[in-house]
Amino acid sequence: MSCAAIIVAAGRSQRMGFDKMLSMLNGQPVLQWSLDAFLEAEEIDTIVVVTSAERFAKLAPGTGKPVLRTEGDEERYLSVIRGMEALPSKPEYVTVHDGARPLVLPGQIDAVVRTARDEGAAALARRMTETLKRSDSQCLTSESLSRENLWIMETPQAFRFDMLSDAYNLIKERDIQVTDEVSAVEAVGIATKLVENQRPNPKVTVSGDLPLAEAVLDSLNS
């Protein structure tokens, strides 16, 4: 069963002050690490990178499977839709990944896709382990929150293609605000099976995230 990957890398990195997708991480751009993982994943047939031509020109797409490019949009979910529309043919499944999560492994991608084939929708996530507090408007604690059954969402997230397409059509029609694909399918009443991640898969958001990601890579390779 065919599965395409949409790697979202259309943001302008405003919080970083420079292009985080092309920032060097152990010798190659952050976005290249994400792309390489999908190139190696057994379950992925085609890849669409949603990014600018300038960024894409600095990547090494390899020759193992088709790697396409399309421009992004102002909203993340619109960029995902553009990636889906750029596919030359409709696959049975699609997986979406934030290009700024460079530490994802090919095996994790495959596990999420295989779970989606069983469940219809799947996503990589990690359990909440920190103590949670609610505060008031003055940043004074008001109560503790139970972390039982709470998860921190990551990517990739994989779905039957028609399922995600229908969900995003509804999102556009009703102008619903969503932050990821799991939120989109929840809006149409579909639950997502979570695949637990027990290793770091941080999103590079600010400049301090780069040395942290490098330290993780060094520890894994030592």
C-alpha atoms as a PDB file:
ATOM      1  CA  MET A   1       0.000   0.000   0.000  1.00  0.00           C
ATOM      2  CA  SER A   2       1.495   3.283  -1.110  1.00  0.00           C
ATOM      3  CA  CYS A   3       2.434   6.039   1.323  1.00  0.00           C
ATOM      4  CA  ALA A   4       3.690   9.530   0.514  1.00  0.00           C
ATOM      5  CA  ALA A   5       5.454  11.877   2.911  1.00  0.00           C
ATOM      6  CA  ILE A   6       4.893  15.608   3.254  1.00  0.00           C
ATOM      7  CA  ILE A   7       7.801  17.382   4.955  1.00  0.00           C
ATOM      8  CA  VAL A   8       6.673  20.837   6.025  1.00  0.00           C
ATOM      9  CA  ALA A   9       9.461  23.424   5.939  1.00  0.00           C
ATOM     10  CA  ALA A  10       7.701  26.564   4.776  1.00  0.00           C
ATOM     11  CA  GLY A  11       8.125  28.778   7.857  1.00  0.00           C
ATOM     12  CA  ARG A  12      10.287  31.887   7.913  1.00  0.00           C
ATOM     13  CA  SER A  13      12.083  31.044  11.187  1.00  0.00           C
ATOM     14  CA  GLN A  14      11.164  34.396  12.717  1.00  0.00           C
ATOM     15  CA  ARG A  15      11.808  33.209  16.276  1.00  0.00           C
ATOM     16  CA  MET A  16      15.300  32.030  15.329  1.00  0.00           C
ATOM     17  CA  GLY A  17      16.415  35.212  13.600  1.00  0.00           C
ATOM     18  CA  PHE A  18      17.977  33.083  10.837  1.00  0.00           C
ATOM     19  CA  ASP A  19      16.962  30.151   8.656  1.00  0.00           C
ATOM     20  CA  LYS A  20      16.703  27.236  11.070  1.00  0.00           C
ATOM     21  CA  MET A  21      16.004  24.761   8.263  1.00  0.00           C
ATOM     22  CA  LEU A  22      19.401  25.453   6.714  1.00  0.00           C
ATOM     23  CA  SER A  23      21.267  25.784  10.011  1.00  0.00           C
ATOM     24  CA  MET A  24      24.111  23.294  10.184  1.00  0.00           C
ATOM     25  CA  LEU A  25      23.640  20.333  12.500  1.00  0.00           C
ATOM     26  CA  ASN A  26      26.650  18.019  12.708  1.00  0.00           C
ATOM     27  CA  GLY A  27      27.758  18.882   9.196  1.00  0.00           C
ATOM     28  CA  GLN A  28      24.505  19.176   7.281  1.00  0.00           C
ATOM     29  CA  PRO A  29      21.343  21.319   7.297  1.00  0.00           C
ATOM     30  CA  VAL A  30      18.580  20.595   9.775  1.00  0.00           C
ATOM     31  CA  LEU A  31      16.153  19.960   6.917  1.00  0.00           C
ATOM     32  CA  GLN A  32      18.534  17.470   5.297  1.00  0.00           C
ATOM     33  CA  TRP A  33      18.437  15.296   8.419  1.00  0.00           C
ATOM     34  CA  SER A  34      14.648  15.095   8.176  1.00  0.00           C
ATOM     35  CA  LEU A  35      14.749  14.374   4.450  1.00  0.00           C
ATOM     36  CA  ASP A  36      17.383  11.659   4.869  1.00  0.00           C
ATOM     37  CA  ALA A  37      15.237   9.824   7.404  1.00  0.00           C
ATOM     38  CA  PHE A  38      12.325   9.659   4.957  1.00  0.00           C
ATOM     39  CA  LEU A  39      14.616   8.646   2.113  1.00  0.00           C
ATOM     40  CA  GLU A  40      15.707   5.672   4.217  1.00  0.00           C
ATOM     41  CA  ALA A  41      12.251   4.730   5.536  1.00  0.00           C
ATOM     42  CA  GLU A  42      10.994   1.538   3.901  1.00  0.00           C
ATOM     43  CA  GLU A  43       7.308   2.515   3.986  1.00  0.00           C
ATOM     44  CA  ILE A  44       7.711   5.802   2.075  1.00  0.00           C
ATOM     45  CA  ASP A  45       7.363   5.834  -1.716  1.00  0.00           C
ATOM     46  CA  THR A  46       7.325   9.550  -2.578  1.00  0.00           C
ATOM     47  CA  ILE A  47       8.359  12.695  -0.707  1.00  0.00           C
ATOM     48  CA  VAL A  48       7.124  16.257  -1.111  1.00  0.00           C
ATOM     49  CA  VAL A  49       9.135  18.964   0.619  1.00  0.00           C
ATOM     50  CA  VAL A  50       7.006  22.056   1.192  1.00  0.00           C
ATOM     51  CA  THR A  51       9.600  24.796   1.111  1.00  0.00           C
ATOM     52  CA  SER A  52      11.108  27.589  -0.944  1.00  0.00           C
ATOM     53  CA  ALA A  53      13.142  26.950  -4.086  1.00  0.00           C
ATOM     54  CA  GLU A  54      16.162  28.499  -2.349  1.00  0.00           C
ATOM     55  CA  ARG A  55      16.039  26.020   0.525  1.00  0.00           C
ATOM     56  CA  PHE A  56      15.317  23.066  -1.710  1.00  0.00           C
ATOM     57  CA  ALA A  57      18.311  23.876  -3.934  1.00  0.00           C
ATOM     58  CA  LYS A  58      20.604  23.362  -0.947  1.00  0.00           C
ATOM     59  CA  LEU A  59      19.367  19.845  -0.237  1.00  0.00           C
ATOM     60  CA  ALA A  60      20.681  16.545  -1.555  1.00  0.00           C
ATOM     61  CA  PRO A  61      17.525  14.635  -2.583  1.00  0.00           C
ATOM     62  CA  GLY A  62      19.334  11.448  -3.593  1.00  0.00           C
ATOM     63  CA  THR A  63      18.092   9.052  -6.269  1.00  0.00           C
ATOM     64  CA  GLY A  64      16.321   6.326  -4.282  1.00  0.00           C
ATOM     65  CA  LYS A  65      12.765   7.684  -4.530  1.00  0.00           C
ATOM     66  CA  PRO A  66      10.991  10.732  -6.023  1.00  0.00           C
ATOM     67  CA  VAL A  67      11.523  13.952  -4.066  1.00  0.00           C
ATOM     68  CA  LEU A  68       9.305  16.832  -5.163  1.00  0.00           C
ATOM     69  CA  ARG A  69       8.974  20.427  -4.026  1.00  0.00           C
ATOM     70  CA  THR A  70       6.088  22.825  -3.690  1.00  0.00           C
ATOM     71  CA  GLU A  71       5.665  26.277  -2.184  1.00  0.00           C
ATOM     72  CA  GLY A  72       4.117  26.663   1.244  1.00  0.00           C
ATOM     73  CA  ASP A  73       1.317  28.914   2.431  1.00  0.00           C
ATOM     74  CA  GLU A  74       0.694  31.331   5.287  1.00  0.00           C
ATOM     75  CA  GLU A  75      -0.868  28.691   7.552  1.00  0.00           C
ATOM     76  CA  ARG A  76       0.733  25.325   8.312  1.00  0.00           C
ATOM     77  CA  TYR A  77      -2.339  23.308   7.393  1.00  0.00           C
ATOM     78  CA  LEU A  78      -2.554  25.111   4.035  1.00  0.00           C
ATOM     79  CA  SER A  79       1.067  24.139   3.401  1.00  0.00           C
ATOM     80  CA  VAL A  80       0.157  20.515   4.098  1.00  0.00           C
ATOM     81  CA  ILE A  81      -2.730  20.758   1.644  1.00  0.00           C
ATOM     82  CA  ARG A  82      -0.363  22.139  -0.992  1.00  0.00           C
ATOM     83  CA  GLY A  83       1.959  19.217  -0.385  1.00  0.00           C
ATOM     84  CA  MET A  84      -0.875  16.745  -0.849  1.00  0.00           C
ATOM     85  CA  GLU A  85      -1.989  18.509  -4.033  1.00  0.00           C
ATOM     86  CA  ALA A  86       1.576  18.335  -5.419  1.00  0.00           C
ATOM     87  CA  LEU A  87       1.586  14.531  -5.426  1.00  0.00           C
ATOM     88  CA  PRO A  88       1.470  13.154  -8.992  1.00  0.00           C
ATOM     89  CA  SER A  89      -1.009  10.471  -7.946  1.00  0.00           C
ATOM     90  CA  LYS A  90      -3.122   9.865  -4.861  1.00  0.00           C
ATOM     91  CA  PRO A  91      -1.506   7.387  -2.452  1.00  0.00           C
ATOM     92  CA  GLU A  92      -3.459   5.261  -0.012  1.00  0.00           C
ATOM     93  CA  TYR A  93      -1.689   6.817   2.964  1.00  0.00           C
ATOM     94  CA  VAL A  94       0.103  10.060   3.719  1.00  0.00           C
ATOM     95  CA  THR A  95       2.421  11.025   6.548  1.00  0.00           C
ATOM     96  CA  VAL A  96       3.259  14.586   7.585  1.00  0.00           C
ATOM     97  CA  HIS A  97       6.453  15.668   9.320  1.00  0.00           C
ATOM     98  CA  ASP A  98       7.814  18.967  10.594  1.00  0.00           C
ATOM     99  CA  GLY A  99      11.121  19.559   8.807  1.00  0.00           C
ATOM    100  CA  ALA A 100      12.433  21.158  12.007  1.00  0.00           C
ATOM    101  CA  ARG A 101      12.432  17.772  13.806  1.00  0.00           C
ATOM    102  CA  PRO A 102      15.762  16.471  12.481  1.00  0.00           C
ATOM    103  CA  LEU A 103      16.292  13.590  14.931  1.00  0.00           C
ATOM    104  CA  VAL A 104      13.463  11.371  13.720  1.00  0.00           C
ATOM    105  CA  LEU A 105      14.579   7.859  12.754  1.00  0.00           C
ATOM    106  CA  PRO A 106      13.560   5.859   9.658  1.00  0.00           C
ATOM    107  CA  GLY A 107      12.326   3.085  11.944  1.00  0.00           C
ATOM    108  CA  GLN A 108      10.035   5.506  13.763  1.00  0.00           C
ATOM    109  CA  ILE A 109       8.570   6.664  10.452  1.00  0.00           C
ATOM    110  CA  ASP A 110       7.918   3.073   9.427  1.00  0.00           C
ATOM    111  CA  ALA A 111       6.316   2.264  12.794  1.00  0.00           C
ATOM    112  CA  VAL A 112       3.915   5.200  12.517  1.00  0.00           C
ATOM    113  CA  VAL A 113       2.923   4.324   8.947  1.00  0.00           C
ATOM    114  CA  ARG A 114       2.358   0.652   9.813  1.00  0.00           C
ATOM    115  CA  THR A 115       0.221   1.650  12.783  1.00  0.00           C
ATOM    116  CA  ALA A 116      -1.814   3.949  10.542  1.00  0.00           C
ATOM    117  CA  ARG A 117      -2.454   1.004   8.224  1.00  0.00           C
ATOM    118  CA  ASP A 118      -3.929  -0.897  11.166  1.00  0.00           C
ATOM    119  CA  GLU A 119      -5.751   1.981  12.840  1.00  0.00           C
ATOM    120  CA  GLY A 120      -6.361   4.533  10.064  1.00  0.00           C
ATOM    121  CA  ALA A 121      -4.501   7.303  11.913  1.00  0.00           C
ATOM    122  CA  ALA A 122      -1.275   7.277  13.939  1.00  0.00           C
ATOM    123  CA  ALA A 123       1.224   9.741  15.360  1.00  0.00           C
ATOM    124  CA  LEU A 124       4.540   9.736  17.162  1.00  0.00           C
ATOM    125  CA  ALA A 125       4.244  11.130  20.692  1.00  0.00           C
ATOM    126  CA  ARG A 126       5.906  11.016  24.079  1.00  0.00           C
ATOM    127  CA  ARG A 127       4.344  10.743  27.491  1.00  0.00           C
ATOM    128  CA  MET A 128       4.165  13.800  29.694  1.00  0.00           C
ATOM    129  CA  THR A 129       6.595  13.240  32.573  1.00  0.00           C
ATOM    130  CA  GLU A 130       6.961  16.747  34.020  1.00  0.00           C
ATOM    131  CA  THR A 131       4.837  18.188  36.809  1.00  0.00           C
ATOM    132  CA  LEU A 132       2.096  20.402  35.381  1.00  0.00           C
ATOM    133  CA  LYS A 133       0.786  23.557  37.008  1.00  0.00           C
ATOM    134  CA  ARG A 134      -1.936  26.026  36.076  1.00  0.00           C
ATOM    135  CA  SER A 135      -1.248  29.676  36.852  1.00  0.00           C
ATOM    136  CA  ASP A 136      -3.257  32.849  37.000  1.00  0.00           C
ATOM    137  CA  SER A 137      -2.609  35.932  34.843  1.00  0.00           C
ATOM    138  CA  GLN A 138       0.156  36.990  37.250  1.00  0.00           C
ATOM    139  CA  CYS A 139       2.055  33.690  36.811  1.00  0.00           C
ATOM    140  CA  LEU A 140       1.145  32.543  40.311  1.00  0.00           C
ATOM    141  CA  THR A 141       0.322  28.859  40.649  1.00  0.00           C
ATOM    142  CA  SER A 142      -3.315  28.025  41.206  1.00  0.00           C
ATOM    143  CA  GLU A 143      -3.504  24.232  40.888  1.00  0.00           C
ATOM    144  CA  SER A 144      -1.687  21.064  39.890  1.00  0.00           C
ATOM    145  CA  LEU A 145      -2.786  19.066  36.853  1.00  0.00           C
ATOM    146  CA  SER A 146      -2.696  15.312  36.561  1.00  0.00           C
ATOM    147  CA  ARG A 147      -0.284  14.128  33.855  1.00  0.00           C
ATOM    148  CA  GLU A 148      -1.997  10.751  33.569  1.00  0.00           C
ATOM    149  CA  ASN A 149      -2.830   9.983  29.929  1.00  0.00           C
ATOM    150  CA  LEU A 150      -1.265  13.258  28.765  1.00  0.00           C
ATOM    151  CA  TRP A 151       1.030  13.195  25.734  1.00  0.00           C
ATOM    152  CA  ILE A 152       3.294  15.641  23.932  1.00  0.00           C
ATOM    153  CA  MET A 153       2.594  15.415  20.225  1.00  0.00           C
ATOM    154  CA  GLU A 154       5.422  14.969  17.745  1.00  0.00           C
ATOM    155  CA  THR A 155       5.726  14.091  14.080  1.00  0.00           C
ATOM    156  CA  PRO A 156       5.471  12.142  11.841  1.00  0.00           C
ATOM    157  CA  GLN A 157       1.699  11.746  11.825  1.00  0.00           C
ATOM    158  CA  ALA A 158       0.168   9.340   9.299  1.00  0.00           C
ATOM    159  CA  PHE A 159      -3.355   8.830   7.956  1.00  0.00           C
ATOM    160  CA  ARG A 160      -5.383   7.316   5.180  1.00  0.00           C
ATOM    161  CA  PHE A 161      -5.092   9.906   2.432  1.00  0.00           C
ATOM    162  CA  ASP A 162      -8.840  10.361   1.968  1.00  0.00           C
ATOM    163  CA  MET A 163      -9.309  10.744   5.721  1.00  0.00           C
ATOM    164  CA  LEU A 164      -6.848  13.627   6.018  1.00  0.00           C
ATOM    165  CA  SER A 165      -8.061  15.227   2.794  1.00  0.00           C
ATOM    166  CA  ASP A 166     -11.683  15.184   3.976  1.00  0.00           C
ATOM    167  CA  ALA A 167     -10.664  16.561   7.375  1.00  0.00           C
ATOM    168  CA  TYR A 168      -8.801  19.483   5.864  1.00  0.00           C
ATOM    169  CA  ASN A 169     -11.655  20.247   3.489  1.00  0.00           C
ATOM    170  CA  LEU A 170     -13.874  20.619   6.550  1.00  0.00           C
ATOM    171  CA  ILE A 171     -11.232  22.706   8.342  1.00  0.00           C
ATOM    172  CA  LYS A 172     -11.119  25.139   5.416  1.00  0.00           C
ATOM    173  CA  GLU A 173     -14.892  25.241   5.056  1.00  0.00           C
ATOM    174  CA  ARG A 174     -15.521  25.984   8.739  1.00  0.00           C
ATOM    175  CA  ASP A 175     -12.353  28.012   9.356  1.00  0.00           C
ATOM    176  CA  ILE A 176     -11.335  25.821  12.293  1.00  0.00           C
ATOM    177  CA  GLN A 177      -7.950  26.512  13.875  1.00  0.00           C
ATOM    178  CA  VAL A 178      -5.726  23.424  14.168  1.00  0.00           C
ATOM    179  CA  THR A 179      -2.080  22.987  15.101  1.00  0.00           C
ATOM    180  CA  ASP A 180      -1.412  19.573  13.603  1.00  0.00           C
ATOM    181  CA  GLU A 181      -2.995  16.772  11.586  1.00  0.00           C
ATOM    182  CA  VAL A 182      -4.208  14.909  14.662  1.00  0.00           C
ATOM    183  CA  SER A 183      -6.223  18.015  15.577  1.00  0.00           C
ATOM    184  CA  ALA A 184      -7.621  18.097  12.053  1.00  0.00           C
ATOM    185  CA  VAL A 185      -8.959  14.544  12.077  1.00  0.00           C
ATOM    186  CA  GLU A 186     -10.251  15.015  15.641  1.00  0.00           C
ATOM    187  CA  ALA A 187     -12.427  17.806  14.229  1.00  0.00           C
ATOM    188  CA  VAL A 188     -14.250  15.180  12.149  1.00  0.00           C
ATOM    189  CA  GLY A 189     -14.535  12.724  15.036  1.00  0.00           C
ATOM    190  CA  ILE A 190     -11.567  10.449  14.305  1.00  0.00           C
ATOM    191  CA  ALA A 191      -9.207   9.299  17.055  1.00  0.00           C
ATOM    192  CA  THR A 192      -5.502   8.769  16.414  1.00  0.00           C
ATOM    193  CA  LYS A 193      -3.418   5.866  17.732  1.00  0.00           C
ATOM    194  CA  LEU A 194      -0.292   7.144  19.483  1.00  0.00           C
ATOM    195  CA  VAL A 195       3.097   5.496  18.913  1.00  0.00           C
ATOM    196  CA  GLU A 196       5.228   6.116  21.978  1.00  0.00           C
ATOM    197  CA  ASN A 197       8.646   7.659  21.402  1.00  0.00           C
ATOM    198  CA  GLN A 198      11.225   7.015  24.109  1.00  0.00           C
ATOM    199  CA  ARG A 199      14.107   8.912  22.543  1.00  0.00           C
ATOM    200  CA  PRO A 200      14.583  12.652  21.916  1.00  0.00           C
ATOM    201  CA  ASN A 201      12.793  14.070  18.880  1.00  0.00           C
ATOM    202  CA  PRO A 202      12.892  17.821  19.626  1.00  0.00           C
ATOM    203  CA  LYS A 203      11.682  20.534  17.298  1.00  0.00           C
ATOM    204  CA  VAL A 204      14.329  23.126  16.479  1.00  0.00           C
ATOM    205  CA  THR A 205      12.578  26.386  17.299  1.00  0.00           C
ATOM    206  CA  VAL A 206      15.134  28.756  18.865  1.00  0.00           C
ATOM    207  CA  SER A 207      18.910  28.996  18.513  1.00  0.00           C
ATOM    208  CA  GLY A 208      19.482  27.157  21.794  1.00  0.00           C
ATOM    209  CA  ASP A 209      17.844  24.050  20.351  1.00  0.00           C
ATOM    210  CA  LEU A 210      20.723  23.460  17.924  1.00  0.00           C
ATOM    211  CA  PRO A 211      23.456  22.637  20.476  1.00  0.00           C
ATOM    212  CA  LEU A 212      20.929  20.463  22.311  1.00  0.00           C
ATOM    213  CA  ALA A 213      20.207  18.514  19.108  1.00  0.00           C
ATOM    214  CA  GLU A 214      23.950  18.201  18.435  1.00  0.00           C
ATOM    215  CA  ALA A 215      24.501  16.847  21.947  1.00  0.00           C
ATOM    216  CA  VAL A 216      21.785  14.250  21.413  1.00  0.00           C
ATOM    217  CA  LEU A 217      23.308  13.178  18.092  1.00  0.00           C
ATOM    218  CA  ASP A 218      26.774  12.938  19.675  1.00  0.00           C
ATOM    219  CA  SER A 219      25.442  10.820  22.541  1.00  0.00           C
ATOM    220  CA  LEU A 220      23.684   8.443  20.165  1.00  0.00           C
ATOM    221  CA  ASN A 221      26.781   8.026  18.022  1.00  0.00           C
ATOM    222  CA  SER A 222      29.244   7.595  20.893  1.00  0.00           C
END
